[in-house]
Amino acid sequence: MWVGPNPGCRAELRVRGDDALGMAASSAQDWRERATRAPSDLGPSAVQPPTRRRLGLALLIGGLLTIVVAVLVVLESANGPGTGPKSFAQRRSYDQVKVEVHRTYPLALLAALAGLGLAMAGARVLGSAARDPEVHP
């Protein structure tokens, strides 16, 4: 059997509405205070989100390009000098290819790992800029 609206529910809604208005007023006051602060008052991580986003993208793209260049250096050393198809007489022996790849691989591996580190740092900066947009007004 339905009795009708519960008076306690209306009071609860009224209290929640008052809380929402109070929160909105304090939020507006916080924004006014943040707008009047100097950028030096915001702390060492006061980089704006668009700047942090650009920095993250630059690090991510730079890291990926470093990895690609490292792989291409190893492939070019295995392919040998010159471009284009090689005839059977111009081909390199297995030992020549092996020596060249072994010579270039350690440096290319270090470069690729550095590129991986750059890409991971870029992803972390991008993630922090996306997660905390209100920390940096």
C-alpha atoms as a PDB file:
ATOM      1  CA  MET A   1       0.000   0.000   0.000  1.00  0.00           C
ATOM      2  CA  TRP A   2       1.397   3.389  -1.000  1.00  0.00           C
ATOM      3  CA  VAL A   3       1.249   6.006   1.732  1.00  0.00           C
ATOM      4  CA  GLY A   4       2.690   9.001  -0.112  1.00  0.00           C
ATOM      5  CA  PRO A   5       5.926  10.927  -0.099  1.00  0.00           C
ATOM      6  CA  ASN A   6       8.063  10.581   2.955  1.00  0.00           C
ATOM      7  CA  PRO A   7       8.701  13.953   4.651  1.00  0.00           C
ATOM      8  CA  GLY A   8      12.181  12.803   5.637  1.00  0.00           C
ATOM      9  CA  CYS A   9      13.097  12.477   1.969  1.00  0.00           C
ATOM     10  CA  ARG A  10      12.256  16.112   1.303  1.00  0.00           C
ATOM     11  CA  ALA A  11      14.382  17.224   4.227  1.00  0.00           C
ATOM     12  CA  GLU A  12      17.210  15.064   2.972  1.00  0.00           C
ATOM     13  CA  LEU A  13      16.908  16.619  -0.474  1.00  0.00           C
ATOM     14  CA  ARG A  14      16.866  20.079   1.037  1.00  0.00           C
ATOM     15  CA  VAL A  15      20.032  19.361   3.026  1.00  0.00           C
ATOM     16  CA  ARG A  16      21.745  17.913  -0.011  1.00  0.00           C
ATOM     17  CA  GLY A  17      20.720  20.943  -2.066  1.00  0.00           C
ATOM     18  CA  ASP A  18      22.140  23.296   0.553  1.00  0.00           C
ATOM     19  CA  ASP A  19      25.358  21.319   0.601  1.00  0.00           C
ATOM     20  CA  ALA A  20      25.605  21.519  -3.191  1.00  0.00           C
ATOM     21  CA  LEU A  21      25.118  25.292  -3.100  1.00  0.00           C
ATOM     22  CA  GLY A  22      27.709  25.642  -0.368  1.00  0.00           C
ATOM     23  CA  MET A  23      30.169  23.531  -2.319  1.00  0.00           C
ATOM     24  CA  ALA A  24      29.593  25.594  -5.456  1.00  0.00           C
ATOM     25  CA  ALA A  25      30.184  28.827  -3.536  1.00  0.00           C
ATOM     26  CA  SER A  26      33.391  27.539  -1.956  1.00  0.00           C
ATOM     27  CA  SER A  27      34.548  26.236  -5.326  1.00  0.00           C
ATOM     28  CA  ALA A  28      34.008  29.655  -6.900  1.00  0.00           C
ATOM     29  CA  GLN A  29      35.897  31.274  -4.039  1.00  0.00           C
ATOM     30  CA  ASP A  30      38.792  28.826  -4.511  1.00  0.00           C
ATOM     31  CA  TRP A  31      38.956  29.685  -8.195  1.00  0.00           C
ATOM     32  CA  ARG A  32      39.009  33.414  -7.396  1.00  0.00           C
ATOM     33  CA  GLU A  33      41.869  32.853  -4.953  1.00  0.00           C
ATOM     34  CA  ARG A  34      43.806  30.813  -7.499  1.00  0.00           C
ATOM     35  CA  ALA A  35      43.314  33.482 -10.147  1.00  0.00           C
ATOM     36  CA  THR A  36      44.794  36.167  -7.886  1.00  0.00           C
ATOM     37  CA  ARG A  37      47.888  34.129  -6.949  1.00  0.00           C
ATOM     38  CA  ALA A  38      51.154  34.692  -8.744  1.00  0.00           C
ATOM     39  CA  PRO A  39      52.457  31.722 -10.778  1.00  0.00           C
ATOM     40  CA  SER A  40      55.388  31.380  -8.362  1.00  0.00           C
ATOM     41  CA  ASP A  41      52.890  30.726  -5.529  1.00  0.00           C
ATOM     42  CA  LEU A  42      51.602  27.604  -7.232  1.00  0.00           C
ATOM     43  CA  GLY A  43      54.729  25.553  -6.575  1.00  0.00           C
ATOM     44  CA  PRO A  44      57.381  23.850  -8.700  1.00  0.00           C
ATOM     45  CA  SER A  45      54.933  21.766 -10.752  1.00  0.00           C
ATOM     46  CA  ALA A  46      52.878  24.747 -11.904  1.00  0.00           C
ATOM     47  CA  VAL A  47      53.237  23.906 -15.594  1.00  0.00           C
ATOM     48  CA  GLN A  48      49.941  24.478 -17.389  1.00  0.00           C
ATOM     49  CA  PRO A  49      48.139  21.339 -18.699  1.00  0.00           C
ATOM     50  CA  PRO A  50      48.454  22.248 -22.407  1.00  0.00           C
ATOM     51  CA  THR A  51      52.195  22.734 -21.894  1.00  0.00           C
ATOM     52  CA  ARG A  52      52.471  19.447 -20.026  1.00  0.00           C
ATOM     53  CA  ARG A  53      50.467  17.755 -22.775  1.00  0.00           C
ATOM     54  CA  ARG A  54      52.791  19.138 -25.452  1.00  0.00           C
ATOM     55  CA  LEU A  55      55.835  18.107 -23.429  1.00  0.00           C
ATOM     56  CA  GLY A  56      54.433  14.593 -23.011  1.00  0.00           C
ATOM     57  CA  LEU A  57      53.678  14.272 -26.710  1.00  0.00           C
ATOM     58  CA  ALA A  58      57.147  15.555 -27.633  1.00  0.00           C
ATOM     59  CA  LEU A  59      58.822  13.045 -25.320  1.00  0.00           C
ATOM     60  CA  LEU A  60      56.637  10.200 -26.570  1.00  0.00           C
ATOM     61  CA  ILE A  61      57.216  10.972 -30.246  1.00  0.00           C
ATOM     62  CA  GLY A  62      60.932  11.552 -29.676  1.00  0.00           C
ATOM     63  CA  GLY A  63      61.251   8.214 -27.927  1.00  0.00           C
ATOM     64  CA  LEU A  64      59.431   6.332 -30.669  1.00  0.00           C
ATOM     65  CA  LEU A  65      61.543   8.011 -33.357  1.00  0.00           C
ATOM     66  CA  THR A  66      64.716   7.094 -31.463  1.00  0.00           C
ATOM     67  CA  ILE A  67      63.658   3.451 -31.398  1.00  0.00           C
ATOM     68  CA  VAL A  68      62.859   3.462 -35.129  1.00  0.00           C
ATOM     69  CA  VAL A  69      66.198   5.102 -35.998  1.00  0.00           C
ATOM     70  CA  ALA A  70      68.094   2.542 -33.888  1.00  0.00           C
ATOM     71  CA  VAL A  71      66.387  -0.319 -35.712  1.00  0.00           C
ATOM     72  CA  LEU A  72      67.068   1.274 -39.096  1.00  0.00           C
ATOM     73  CA  VAL A  73      70.762   1.705 -38.247  1.00  0.00           C
ATOM     74  CA  VAL A  74      71.081  -2.010 -37.512  1.00  0.00           C
ATOM     75  CA  LEU A  75      69.193  -2.923 -40.688  1.00  0.00           C
ATOM     76  CA  GLU A  76      71.317  -0.601 -42.796  1.00  0.00           C
ATOM     77  CA  SER A  77      74.512  -2.082 -41.393  1.00  0.00           C
ATOM     78  CA  ALA A  78      73.220  -5.573 -42.212  1.00  0.00           C
ATOM     79  CA  ASN A  79      72.228  -4.480 -45.728  1.00  0.00           C
ATOM     80  CA  GLY A  80      75.598  -2.955 -46.487  1.00  0.00           C
ATOM     81  CA  PRO A  81      76.554   0.216 -48.320  1.00  0.00           C
ATOM     82  CA  GLY A  82      74.388   1.551 -51.119  1.00  0.00           C
ATOM     83  CA  THR A  83      70.728   1.223 -51.876  1.00  0.00           C
ATOM     84  CA  GLY A  84      68.648  -0.807 -54.251  1.00  0.00           C
ATOM     85  CA  PRO A  85      68.690  -4.480 -55.149  1.00  0.00           C
ATOM     86  CA  LYS A  86      72.021  -6.219 -55.262  1.00  0.00           C
ATOM     87  CA  SER A  87      73.067  -8.755 -57.806  1.00  0.00           C
ATOM     88  CA  PHE A  88      74.361 -12.137 -56.777  1.00  0.00           C
ATOM     89  CA  ALA A  89      77.938 -11.010 -57.379  1.00  0.00           C
ATOM     90  CA  GLN A  90      77.492  -7.944 -55.141  1.00  0.00           C
ATOM     91  CA  ARG A  91      75.971  -9.754 -52.203  1.00  0.00           C
ATOM     92  CA  ARG A  92      77.729  -9.838 -48.841  1.00  0.00           C
ATOM     93  CA  SER A  93      78.805 -13.007 -47.139  1.00  0.00           C
ATOM     94  CA  TYR A  94      77.244 -14.228 -43.916  1.00  0.00           C
ATOM     95  CA  ASP A  95      80.395 -13.398 -41.978  1.00  0.00           C
ATOM     96  CA  GLN A  96      80.477  -9.808 -43.268  1.00  0.00           C
ATOM     97  CA  VAL A  97      76.854  -9.246 -42.245  1.00  0.00           C
ATOM     98  CA  LYS A  98      77.422 -10.884 -38.860  1.00  0.00           C
ATOM     99  CA  VAL A  99      80.480  -8.733 -38.093  1.00  0.00           C
ATOM    100  CA  GLU A 100      78.663  -5.517 -39.050  1.00  0.00           C
ATOM    101  CA  VAL A 101      75.544  -6.337 -37.032  1.00  0.00           C
ATOM    102  CA  HIS A 102      77.634  -7.312 -34.005  1.00  0.00           C
ATOM    103  CA  ARG A 103      79.528  -4.033 -34.337  1.00  0.00           C
ATOM    104  CA  THR A 104      76.409  -1.827 -34.438  1.00  0.00           C
ATOM    105  CA  TYR A 105      74.027  -3.777 -32.187  1.00  0.00           C
ATOM    106  CA  PRO A 106      75.247  -2.654 -28.712  1.00  0.00           C
ATOM    107  CA  LEU A 107      75.026   1.059 -29.515  1.00  0.00           C
ATOM    108  CA  ALA A 108      71.683   0.607 -31.245  1.00  0.00           C
ATOM    109  CA  LEU A 109      70.384  -1.322 -28.238  1.00  0.00           C
ATOM    110  CA  LEU A 110      71.415   1.504 -25.893  1.00  0.00           C
ATOM    111  CA  ALA A 111      69.787   4.054 -28.189  1.00  0.00           C
ATOM    112  CA  ALA A 112      66.586   1.999 -28.384  1.00  0.00           C
ATOM    113  CA  LEU A 113      66.460   1.640 -24.586  1.00  0.00           C
ATOM    114  CA  ALA A 114      66.949   5.397 -24.242  1.00  0.00           C
ATOM    115  CA  GLY A 115      64.087   5.870 -26.699  1.00  0.00           C
ATOM    116  CA  LEU A 116      61.949   3.519 -24.632  1.00  0.00           C
ATOM    117  CA  GLY A 117      62.734   5.564 -21.536  1.00  0.00           C
ATOM    118  CA  LEU A 118      61.774   8.777 -23.346  1.00  0.00           C
ATOM    119  CA  ALA A 119      58.526   7.251 -24.547  1.00  0.00           C
ATOM    120  CA  MET A 120      57.655   6.009 -21.059  1.00  0.00           C
ATOM    121  CA  ALA A 121      58.414   9.418 -19.552  1.00  0.00           C
ATOM    122  CA  GLY A 122      56.227  11.043 -22.198  1.00  0.00           C
ATOM    123  CA  ALA A 123      53.369   8.663 -21.463  1.00  0.00           C
ATOM    124  CA  ARG A 124      53.696   9.403 -17.758  1.00  0.00           C
ATOM    125  CA  VAL A 125      53.610  13.177 -18.320  1.00  0.00           C
ATOM    126  CA  LEU A 126      50.606  12.796 -20.630  1.00  0.00           C
ATOM    127  CA  GLY A 127      48.820  10.666 -18.057  1.00  0.00           C
ATOM    128  CA  SER A 128      49.470  13.095 -15.229  1.00  0.00           C
ATOM    129  CA  ALA A 129      48.245  16.025 -17.347  1.00  0.00           C
ATOM    130  CA  ALA A 130      45.056  14.148 -18.179  1.00  0.00           C
ATOM    131  CA  ARG A 131      44.478  12.950 -14.593  1.00  0.00           C
ATOM    132  CA  ASP A 132      45.000  16.254 -12.763  1.00  0.00           C
ATOM    133  CA  PRO A 133      43.567  19.099 -14.856  1.00  0.00           C
ATOM    134  CA  GLU A 134      42.248  21.026 -11.824  1.00  0.00           C
ATOM    135  CA  VAL A 135      45.535  20.878  -9.912  1.00  0.00           C
ATOM    136  CA  HIS A 136      47.041  23.281 -12.422  1.00  0.00           C
ATOM    137  CA  PRO A 137      44.433  25.990 -13.087  1.00  0.00           C
END
